[in-house]
């Protein structure tokens, strides 16, 4: 199982990630609010501005202060490492 650093020492299992999106659009803001209302939000931004919203296969919504592109690059680098090991 591979883990991706999503900021401030927090990790998420790479295979559990469904999507990584920017929090700026109205539909994503509604999705985050709905998740907050139902208790499915995990906020790992440490009080900073949310720059990425990670949706998992268990329908949890993770808020991170790291940009979505940075997290995606970390995820891609993990995939490359897997191919080298095989």
PDB file of N, CA and C in Angstrom:
ATOM      1  N   UNK A   1       0.851  -1.174   0.000  1.00  0.00           N
ATOM      2  CA  UNK A   1       0.000   0.000   0.000  1.00  0.00           C
ATOM      3  C   UNK A   1       0.899   1.240   0.000  1.00  0.00           C
ATOM      4  N   UNK A   2       0.668   2.129  -0.937  1.00  0.00           N
ATOM      5  CA  UNK A   2       1.439   3.356  -1.052  1.00  0.00           C
ATOM      6  C   UNK A   2       0.652   4.521  -0.466  1.00  0.00           C
ATOM      7  N   UNK A   3       1.357   5.404   0.218  1.00  0.00           N
ATOM      8  CA  UNK A   3       0.751   6.588   0.800  1.00  0.00           C
ATOM      9  C   UNK A   3       1.303   7.833   0.140  1.00  0.00           C
ATOM     10  N   UNK A   4       0.450   8.849  -0.004  1.00  0.00           N
ATOM     11  CA  UNK A   4       0.816  10.123  -0.593  1.00  0.00           C
ATOM     12  C   UNK A   4       0.772  11.180   0.505  1.00  0.00           C
ATOM     13  N   UNK A   5       1.830  11.989   0.592  1.00  0.00           N
ATOM     14  CA  UNK A   5       1.867  13.095   1.545  1.00  0.00           C
ATOM     15  C   UNK A   5       0.949  14.203   1.028  1.00  0.00           C
ATOM     16  N   UNK A   6      -0.034  14.580   1.842  1.00  0.00           N
ATOM     17  CA  UNK A   6      -0.974  15.630   1.437  1.00  0.00           C
ATOM     18  C   UNK A   6      -0.785  16.897   2.268  1.00  0.00           C
ATOM     19  N   UNK A   7       0.363  16.971   2.926  1.00  0.00           N
ATOM     20  CA  UNK A   7       0.719  18.183   3.660  1.00  0.00           C
ATOM     21  C   UNK A   7       0.745  18.009   5.158  1.00  0.00           C
ATOM     22  N   UNK A   8       1.731  18.653   5.776  1.00  0.00           N
ATOM     23  CA  UNK A   8       1.880  18.710   7.231  1.00  0.00           C
ATOM     24  C   UNK A   8       1.965  17.323   7.864  1.00  0.00           C
ATOM     25  N   UNK A   9       2.625  16.404   7.175  1.00  0.00           N
ATOM     26  CA  UNK A   9       2.817  15.064   7.714  1.00  0.00           C
ATOM     27  C   UNK A   9       1.615  14.154   7.589  1.00  0.00           C
ATOM     28  N   UNK A  10       0.582  14.586   6.912  1.00  0.00           N
ATOM     29  CA  UNK A  10      -0.620  13.773   6.727  1.00  0.00           C
ATOM     30  C   UNK A  10      -0.497  12.960   5.441  1.00  0.00           C
ATOM     31  N   UNK A  11      -0.961  11.730   5.501  1.00  0.00           N
ATOM     32  CA  UNK A  11      -0.867  10.817   4.364  1.00  0.00           C
ATOM     33  C   UNK A  11      -2.237  10.240   4.041  1.00  0.00           C
ATOM     34  N   UNK A  12      -2.405   9.871   2.779  1.00  0.00           N
ATOM     35  CA  UNK A  12      -3.617   9.180   2.347  1.00  0.00           C
ATOM     36  C   UNK A  12      -3.184   8.029   1.434  1.00  0.00           C
ATOM     37  N   UNK A  13      -3.909   6.925   1.526  1.00  0.00           N
ATOM     38  CA  UNK A  13      -3.592   5.759   0.696  1.00  0.00           C
ATOM     39  C   UNK A  13      -3.862   6.095  -0.770  1.00  0.00           C
ATOM     40  N   UNK A  14      -2.862   5.892  -1.612  1.00  0.00           N
ATOM     41  CA  UNK A  14      -2.954   6.274  -3.019  1.00  0.00           C
ATOM     42  C   UNK A  14      -4.096   5.568  -3.739  1.00  0.00           C
ATOM     43  N   UNK A  15      -4.308   4.293  -3.434  1.00  0.00           N
ATOM     44  CA  UNK A  15      -5.350   3.550  -4.157  1.00  0.00           C
ATOM     45  C   UNK A  15      -6.764   3.904  -3.715  1.00  0.00           C
ATOM     46  N   UNK A  16      -6.911   4.662  -2.646  1.00  0.00           N
ATOM     47  CA  UNK A  16      -8.233   5.082  -2.173  1.00  0.00           C
ATOM     48  C   UNK A  16      -8.692   6.395  -2.811  1.00  0.00           C
ATOM     49  N   UNK A  17      -7.777   7.123  -3.465  1.00  0.00           N
ATOM     50  CA  UNK A  17      -8.109   8.418  -4.064  1.00  0.00           C
ATOM     51  C   UNK A  17      -8.902   8.206  -5.350  1.00  0.00           C
ATOM     52  N   UNK A  18     -10.058   8.884  -5.431  1.00  0.00           N
ATOM     53  CA  UNK A  18     -10.868   8.844  -6.642  1.00  0.00           C
ATOM     54  C   UNK A  18     -10.543  10.062  -7.505  1.00  0.00           C
ATOM     55  N   UNK A  19     -10.506  11.237  -6.879  1.00  0.00           N
ATOM     56  CA  UNK A  19     -10.222  12.456  -7.624  1.00  0.00           C
ATOM     57  C   UNK A  19      -9.595  13.509  -6.721  1.00  0.00           C
ATOM     58  N   UNK A  20      -8.860  14.418  -7.357  1.00  0.00           N
ATOM     59  CA  UNK A  20      -8.275  15.566  -6.672  1.00  0.00           C
ATOM     60  C   UNK A  20      -8.719  16.793  -7.457  1.00  0.00           C
ATOM     61  N   UNK A  21      -9.429  17.717  -6.800  1.00  0.00           N
ATOM     62  CA  UNK A  21      -9.967  18.877  -7.497  1.00  0.00           C
ATOM     63  C   UNK A  21      -9.639  20.167  -6.759  1.00  0.00           C
ATOM     64  N   UNK A  22      -9.751  21.261  -7.472  1.00  0.00           N
ATOM     65  CA  UNK A  22      -9.589  22.588  -6.891  1.00  0.00           C
ATOM     66  C   UNK A  22     -10.886  22.966  -6.167  1.00  0.00           C
ATOM     67  N   UNK A  23     -10.783  23.670  -5.052  1.00  0.00           N
ATOM     68  CA  UNK A  23     -11.988  23.982  -4.266  1.00  0.00           C
ATOM     69  C   UNK A  23     -12.734  25.229  -4.725  1.00  0.00           C
ATOM     70  N   UNK A  24     -12.387  25.787  -5.867  1.00  0.00           N
ATOM     71  CA  UNK A  24     -12.911  27.092  -6.259  1.00  0.00           C
ATOM     72  C   UNK A  24     -14.293  27.076  -6.892  1.00  0.00           C
ATOM     73  N   UNK A  25     -14.687  25.993  -7.526  1.00  0.00           N
ATOM     74  CA  UNK A  25     -15.967  25.995  -8.243  1.00  0.00           C
ATOM     75  C   UNK A  25     -17.142  25.797  -7.290  1.00  0.00           C
ATOM     76  N   UNK A  26     -18.287  26.282  -7.699  1.00  0.00           N
ATOM     77  CA  UNK A  26     -19.500  26.181  -6.878  1.00  0.00           C
ATOM     78  C   UNK A  26     -19.915  24.723  -6.613  1.00  0.00           C
ATOM     79  N   UNK A  27     -19.855  23.829  -7.602  1.00  0.00           N
ATOM     80  CA  UNK A  27     -20.233  22.442  -7.314  1.00  0.00           C
ATOM     81  C   UNK A  27     -19.332  21.779  -6.263  1.00  0.00           C
ATOM     82  N   UNK A  28     -18.050  22.092  -6.293  1.00  0.00           N
ATOM     83  CA  UNK A  28     -17.138  21.518  -5.302  1.00  0.00           C
ATOM     84  C   UNK A  28     -17.419  22.113  -3.928  1.00  0.00           C
ATOM     85  N   UNK A  29     -17.725  23.391  -3.876  1.00  0.00           N
ATOM     86  CA  UNK A  29     -18.074  24.021  -2.598  1.00  0.00           C
ATOM     87  C   UNK A  29     -19.330  23.384  -2.010  1.00  0.00           C
ATOM     88  N   UNK A  30     -20.318  23.073  -2.856  1.00  0.00           N
ATOM     89  CA  UNK A  30     -21.529  22.396  -2.389  1.00  0.00           C
ATOM     90  C   UNK A  30     -21.208  20.987  -1.900  1.00  0.00           C
ATOM     91  N   UNK A  31     -20.354  20.286  -2.632  1.00  0.00           N
ATOM     92  CA  UNK A  31     -19.964  18.940  -2.247  1.00  0.00           C
ATOM     93  C   UNK A  31     -19.274  18.945  -0.875  1.00  0.00           C
ATOM     94  N   UNK A  32     -18.385  19.911  -0.654  1.00  0.00           N
ATOM     95  CA  UNK A  32     -17.695  20.024   0.636  1.00  0.00           C
ATOM     96  C   UNK A  32     -18.692  20.338   1.742  1.00  0.00           C
ATOM     97  N   UNK A  33     -19.625  21.244   1.487  1.00  0.00           N
ATOM     98  CA  UNK A  33     -20.616  21.598   2.507  1.00  0.00           C
ATOM     99  C   UNK A  33     -21.517  20.413   2.846  1.00  0.00           C
ATOM    100  N   UNK A  34     -21.937  19.671   1.824  1.00  0.00           N
ATOM    101  CA  UNK A  34     -22.756  18.475   2.057  1.00  0.00           C
ATOM    102  C   UNK A  34     -21.988  17.447   2.882  1.00  0.00           C
ATOM    103  N   UNK A  35     -20.694  17.290   2.586  1.00  0.00           N
ATOM    104  CA  UNK A  35     -19.863  16.351   3.334  1.00  0.00           C
ATOM    105  C   UNK A  35     -19.683  16.811   4.780  1.00  0.00           C
ATOM    106  N   UNK A  36     -19.552  18.121   4.985  1.00  0.00           N
ATOM    107  CA  UNK A  36     -19.446  18.652   6.353  1.00  0.00           C
ATOM    108  C   UNK A  36     -20.724  18.363   7.132  1.00  0.00           C
ATOM    109  N   UNK A  37     -21.852  18.558   6.482  1.00  0.00           N
ATOM    110  CA  UNK A  37     -23.144  18.322   7.137  1.00  0.00           C
ATOM    111  C   UNK A  37     -23.328  16.861   7.537  1.00  0.00           C
ATOM    112  N   UNK A  38     -22.771  15.943   6.749  1.00  0.00           N
ATOM    113  CA  UNK A  38     -22.927  14.523   7.047  1.00  0.00           C
ATOM    114  C   UNK A  38     -21.720  13.938   7.794  1.00  0.00           C
ATOM    115  N   UNK A  39     -20.748  14.768   8.135  1.00  0.00           N
ATOM    116  CA  UNK A  39     -19.605  14.312   8.928  1.00  0.00           C
ATOM    117  C   UNK A  39     -18.576  13.508   8.165  1.00  0.00           C
ATOM    118  N   UNK A  40     -18.447  13.734   6.870  1.00  0.00           N
ATOM    119  CA  UNK A  40     -17.500  12.996   6.040  1.00  0.00           C
ATOM    120  C   UNK A  40     -16.269  13.803   5.659  1.00  0.00           C
ATOM    121  N   UNK A  41     -16.083  14.998   6.237  1.00  0.00           N
ATOM    122  CA  UNK A  41     -14.944  15.845   5.888  1.00  0.00           C
ATOM    123  C   UNK A  41     -13.792  15.584   6.841  1.00  0.00           C
ATOM    124  N   UNK A  42     -12.603  15.482   6.264  1.00  0.00           N
ATOM    125  CA  UNK A  42     -11.363  15.406   7.034  1.00  0.00           C
ATOM    126  C   UNK A  42     -10.541  16.614   6.619  1.00  0.00           C
ATOM    127  N   UNK A  43     -10.362  17.564   7.539  1.00  0.00           N
ATOM    128  CA  UNK A  43      -9.654  18.805   7.238  1.00  0.00           C
ATOM    129  C   UNK A  43      -8.218  18.698   7.736  1.00  0.00           C
ATOM    130  N   UNK A  44      -7.266  18.584   6.807  1.00  0.00           N
ATOM    131  CA  UNK A  44      -5.851  18.494   7.166  1.00  0.00           C
ATOM    132  C   UNK A  44      -5.092  19.737   6.720  1.00  0.00           C
ATOM    133  N   UNK A  45      -5.818  20.852   6.578  1.00  0.00           N
ATOM    134  CA  UNK A  45      -5.190  22.087   6.112  1.00  0.00           C
ATOM    135  C   UNK A  45      -4.502  22.863   7.228  1.00  0.00           C
ATOM    136  N   UNK A  46      -4.666  22.429   8.470  1.00  0.00           N
ATOM    137  CA  UNK A  46      -4.020  23.068   9.632  1.00  0.00           C
ATOM    138  C   UNK A  46      -4.326  24.560   9.709  1.00  0.00           C
ATOM    139  N   UNK A  47      -5.564  24.925   9.419  1.00  0.00           N
ATOM    140  CA  UNK A  47      -5.996  26.312   9.529  1.00  0.00           C
ATOM    141  C   UNK A  47      -5.633  27.187   8.344  1.00  0.00           C
ATOM    142  N   UNK A  48      -4.970  26.620   7.366  1.00  0.00           N
ATOM    143  CA  UNK A  48      -4.597  27.394   6.176  1.00  0.00           C
ATOM    144  C   UNK A  48      -5.702  27.296   5.132  1.00  0.00           C
ATOM    145  N   UNK A  49      -5.530  28.068   4.069  1.00  0.00           N
ATOM    146  CA  UNK A  49      -6.500  28.074   2.975  1.00  0.00           C
ATOM    147  C   UNK A  49      -6.522  26.714   2.281  1.00  0.00           C
ATOM    148  N   UNK A  50      -7.704  26.207   2.000  1.00  0.00           N
ATOM    149  CA  UNK A  50      -7.843  24.932   1.290  1.00  0.00           C
ATOM    150  C   UNK A  50      -7.512  25.143  -0.180  1.00  0.00           C
ATOM    151  N   UNK A  51      -6.561  24.360  -0.684  1.00  0.00           N
ATOM    152  CA  UNK A  51      -6.144  24.472  -2.085  1.00  0.00           C
ATOM    153  C   UNK A  51      -6.435  23.226  -2.895  1.00  0.00           C
ATOM    154  N   UNK A  52      -6.785  22.133  -2.205  1.00  0.00           N
ATOM    155  CA  UNK A  52      -7.143  20.902  -2.916  1.00  0.00           C
ATOM    156  C   UNK A  52      -8.199  20.155  -2.123  1.00  0.00           C
ATOM    157  N   UNK A  53      -9.111  19.549  -2.854  1.00  0.00           N
ATOM    158  CA  UNK A  53     -10.144  18.708  -2.265  1.00  0.00           C
ATOM    159  C   UNK A  53      -9.937  17.310  -2.835  1.00  0.00           C
ATOM    160  N   UNK A  54      -9.757  16.348  -1.939  1.00  0.00           N
ATOM    161  CA  UNK A  54      -9.511  14.965  -2.343  1.00  0.00           C
ATOM    162  C   UNK A  54     -10.755  14.155  -1.995  1.00  0.00           C
ATOM    163  N   UNK A  55     -11.293  13.456  -2.992  1.00  0.00           N
ATOM    164  CA  UNK A  55     -12.451  12.593  -2.794  1.00  0.00           C
ATOM    165  C   UNK A  55     -11.939  11.147  -2.777  1.00  0.00           C
ATOM    166  N   UNK A  56     -12.367  10.381  -1.776  1.00  0.00           N
ATOM    167  CA  UNK A  56     -11.922   8.993  -1.671  1.00  0.00           C
ATOM    168  C   UNK A  56     -13.042   8.039  -2.085  1.00  0.00           C
ATOM    169  N   UNK A  57     -12.682   6.778  -2.234  1.00  0.00           N
ATOM    170  CA  UNK A  57     -13.675   5.787  -2.634  1.00  0.00           C
ATOM    171  C   UNK A  57     -14.685   5.491  -1.532  1.00  0.00           C
ATOM    172  N   UNK A  58     -14.397   5.902  -0.308  1.00  0.00           N
ATOM    173  CA  UNK A  58     -15.353   5.750   0.792  1.00  0.00           C
ATOM    174  C   UNK A  58     -16.232   6.992   0.956  1.00  0.00           C
ATOM    175  N   UNK A  59     -16.161   7.894  -0.021  1.00  0.00           N
ATOM    176  CA  UNK A  59     -16.929   9.139  -0.078  1.00  0.00           C
ATOM    177  C   UNK A  59     -16.528  10.139   1.002  1.00  0.00           C
ATOM    178  N   UNK A  60     -15.342   9.972   1.584  1.00  0.00           N
ATOM    179  CA  UNK A  60     -14.813  10.988   2.482  1.00  0.00           C
ATOM    180  C   UNK A  60     -14.217  12.105   1.634  1.00  0.00           C
ATOM    181  N   UNK A  61     -14.273  13.319   2.167  1.00  0.00           N
ATOM    182  CA  UNK A  61     -13.752  14.493   1.480  1.00  0.00           C
ATOM    183  C   UNK A  61     -12.616  15.036   2.339  1.00  0.00           C
ATOM    184  N   UNK A  62     -11.412  15.092   1.761  1.00  0.00           N
ATOM    185  CA  UNK A  62     -10.232  15.547   2.490  1.00  0.00           C
ATOM    186  C   UNK A  62      -9.839  16.919   1.959  1.00  0.00           C
ATOM    187  N   UNK A  63      -9.681  17.878   2.875  1.00  0.00           N
ATOM    188  CA  UNK A  63      -9.288  19.240   2.522  1.00  0.00           C
ATOM    189  C   UNK A  63      -7.809  19.420   2.827  1.00  0.00           C
ATOM    190  N   UNK A  64      -7.044  19.847   1.825  1.00  0.00           N
ATOM    191  CA  UNK A  64      -5.603  19.999   1.988  1.00  0.00           C
ATOM    192  C   UNK A  64      -5.163  21.408   1.607  1.00  0.00           C
ATOM    193  N   UNK A  65      -4.086  21.879   2.250  1.00  0.00           N
ATOM    194  CA  UNK A  65      -3.530  23.191   1.942  1.00  0.00           C
ATOM    195  C   UNK A  65      -2.500  23.117   0.816  1.00  0.00           C
ATOM    196  N   UNK A  66      -2.230  21.918   0.319  1.00  0.00           N
ATOM    197  CA  UNK A  66      -1.299  21.719  -0.791  1.00  0.00           C
ATOM    198  C   UNK A  66      -2.087  21.788  -2.097  1.00  0.00           C
ATOM    199  N   UNK A  67      -1.502  22.398  -3.135  1.00  0.00           N
ATOM    200  CA  UNK A  67      -2.208  22.534  -4.405  1.00  0.00           C
ATOM    201  C   UNK A  67      -2.483  21.170  -5.035  1.00  0.00           C
ATOM    202  N   UNK A  68      -3.587  21.101  -5.762  1.00  0.00           N
ATOM    203  CA  UNK A  68      -3.998  19.833  -6.366  1.00  0.00           C
ATOM    204  C   UNK A  68      -2.959  19.311  -7.359  1.00  0.00           C
ATOM    205  N   UNK A  69      -2.290  20.204  -8.085  1.00  0.00           N
ATOM    206  CA  UNK A  69      -1.260  19.783  -9.039  1.00  0.00           C
ATOM    207  C   UNK A  69      -0.090  19.115  -8.328  1.00  0.00           C
ATOM    208  N   UNK A  70       0.282  19.645  -7.175  1.00  0.00           N
ATOM    209  CA  UNK A  70       1.387  19.078  -6.399  1.00  0.00           C
ATOM    210  C   UNK A  70       1.034  17.675  -5.920  1.00  0.00           C
ATOM    211  N   UNK A  71      -0.173  17.510  -5.428  1.00  0.00           N
ATOM    212  CA  UNK A  71      -0.609  16.185  -4.963  1.00  0.00           C
ATOM    213  C   UNK A  71      -0.670  15.214  -6.133  1.00  0.00           C
ATOM    214  N   UNK A  72      -1.166  15.670  -7.275  1.00  0.00           N
ATOM    215  CA  UNK A  72      -1.233  14.819  -8.467  1.00  0.00           C
ATOM    216  C   UNK A  72       0.165  14.398  -8.920  1.00  0.00           C
ATOM    217  N   UNK A  73       1.127  15.316  -8.860  1.00  0.00           N
ATOM    218  CA  UNK A  73       2.507  14.972  -9.223  1.00  0.00           C
ATOM    219  C   UNK A  73       3.075  13.932  -8.269  1.00  0.00           C
ATOM    220  N   UNK A  74       2.781  14.062  -6.989  1.00  0.00           N
ATOM    221  CA  UNK A  74       3.243  13.073  -6.011  1.00  0.00           C
ATOM    222  C   UNK A  74       2.613  11.716  -6.293  1.00  0.00           C
ATOM    223  N   UNK A  75       1.361  11.725  -6.691  1.00  0.00           N
ATOM    224  CA  UNK A  75       0.675  10.485  -7.039  1.00  0.00           C
ATOM    225  C   UNK A  75       1.293   9.856  -8.283  1.00  0.00           C
ATOM    226  N   UNK A  76       1.608  10.667  -9.292  1.00  0.00           N
ATOM    227  CA  UNK A  76       2.254  10.171 -10.509  1.00  0.00           C
ATOM    228  C   UNK A  76       3.625   9.591 -10.208  1.00  0.00           C
ATOM    229  N   UNK A  77       4.385  10.257  -9.344  1.00  0.00           N
ATOM    230  CA  UNK A  77       5.713   9.754  -8.992  1.00  0.00           C
ATOM    231  C   UNK A  77       5.632   8.418  -8.290  1.00  0.00           C
ATOM    232  N   UNK A  78       4.601   8.199  -7.501  1.00  0.00           N
ATOM    233  CA  UNK A  78       4.396   6.916  -6.834  1.00  0.00           C
ATOM    234  C   UNK A  78       4.115   5.835  -7.863  1.00  0.00           C
ATOM    235  N   UNK A  79       3.328   6.152  -8.908  1.00  0.00           N
ATOM    236  CA  UNK A  79       3.028   5.182  -9.957  1.00  0.00           C
ATOM    237  C   UNK A  79       4.297   4.786 -10.704  1.00  0.00           C
ATOM    238  N   UNK A  80       5.184   5.748 -10.964  1.00  0.00           N
ATOM    239  CA  UNK A  80       6.443   5.470 -11.654  1.00  0.00           C
ATOM    240  C   UNK A  80       7.320   4.564 -10.797  1.00  0.00           C
ATOM    241  N   UNK A  81       7.375   4.821  -9.488  1.00  0.00           N
ATOM    242  CA  UNK A  81       8.155   3.987  -8.591  1.00  0.00           C
ATOM    243  C   UNK A  81       7.632   2.556  -8.579  1.00  0.00           C
ATOM    244  N   UNK A  82       6.320   2.377  -8.656  1.00  0.00           N
ATOM    245  CA  UNK A  82       5.732   1.031  -8.695  1.00  0.00           C
ATOM    246  C   UNK A  82       6.182   0.288  -9.930  1.00  0.00           C
ATOM    247  N   UNK A  83       6.219   0.957 -11.083  1.00  0.00           N
ATOM    248  CA  UNK A  83       6.614   0.318 -12.334  1.00  0.00           C
ATOM    249  C   UNK A  83       8.083  -0.085 -12.297  1.00  0.00           C
ATOM    250  N   UNK A  84       8.921   0.729 -11.671  1.00  0.00           N
ATOM    251  CA  UNK A  84      10.349   0.416 -11.587  1.00  0.00           C
ATOM    252  C   UNK A  84      10.571  -0.799 -10.706  1.00  0.00           C
ATOM    253  N   UNK A  85       9.815  -0.917  -9.610  1.00  0.00           N
ATOM    254  CA  UNK A  85       9.977  -2.040  -8.686  1.00  0.00           C
ATOM    255  C   UNK A  85       9.534  -3.349  -9.301  1.00  0.00           C
ATOM    256  N   UNK A  86       8.582  -3.332 -10.229  1.00  0.00           N
ATOM    257  CA  UNK A  86       8.047  -4.575 -10.814  1.00  0.00           C
ATOM    258  C   UNK A  86       8.923  -5.157 -11.839  1.00  0.00           C
TER     259      UNK A  86
END
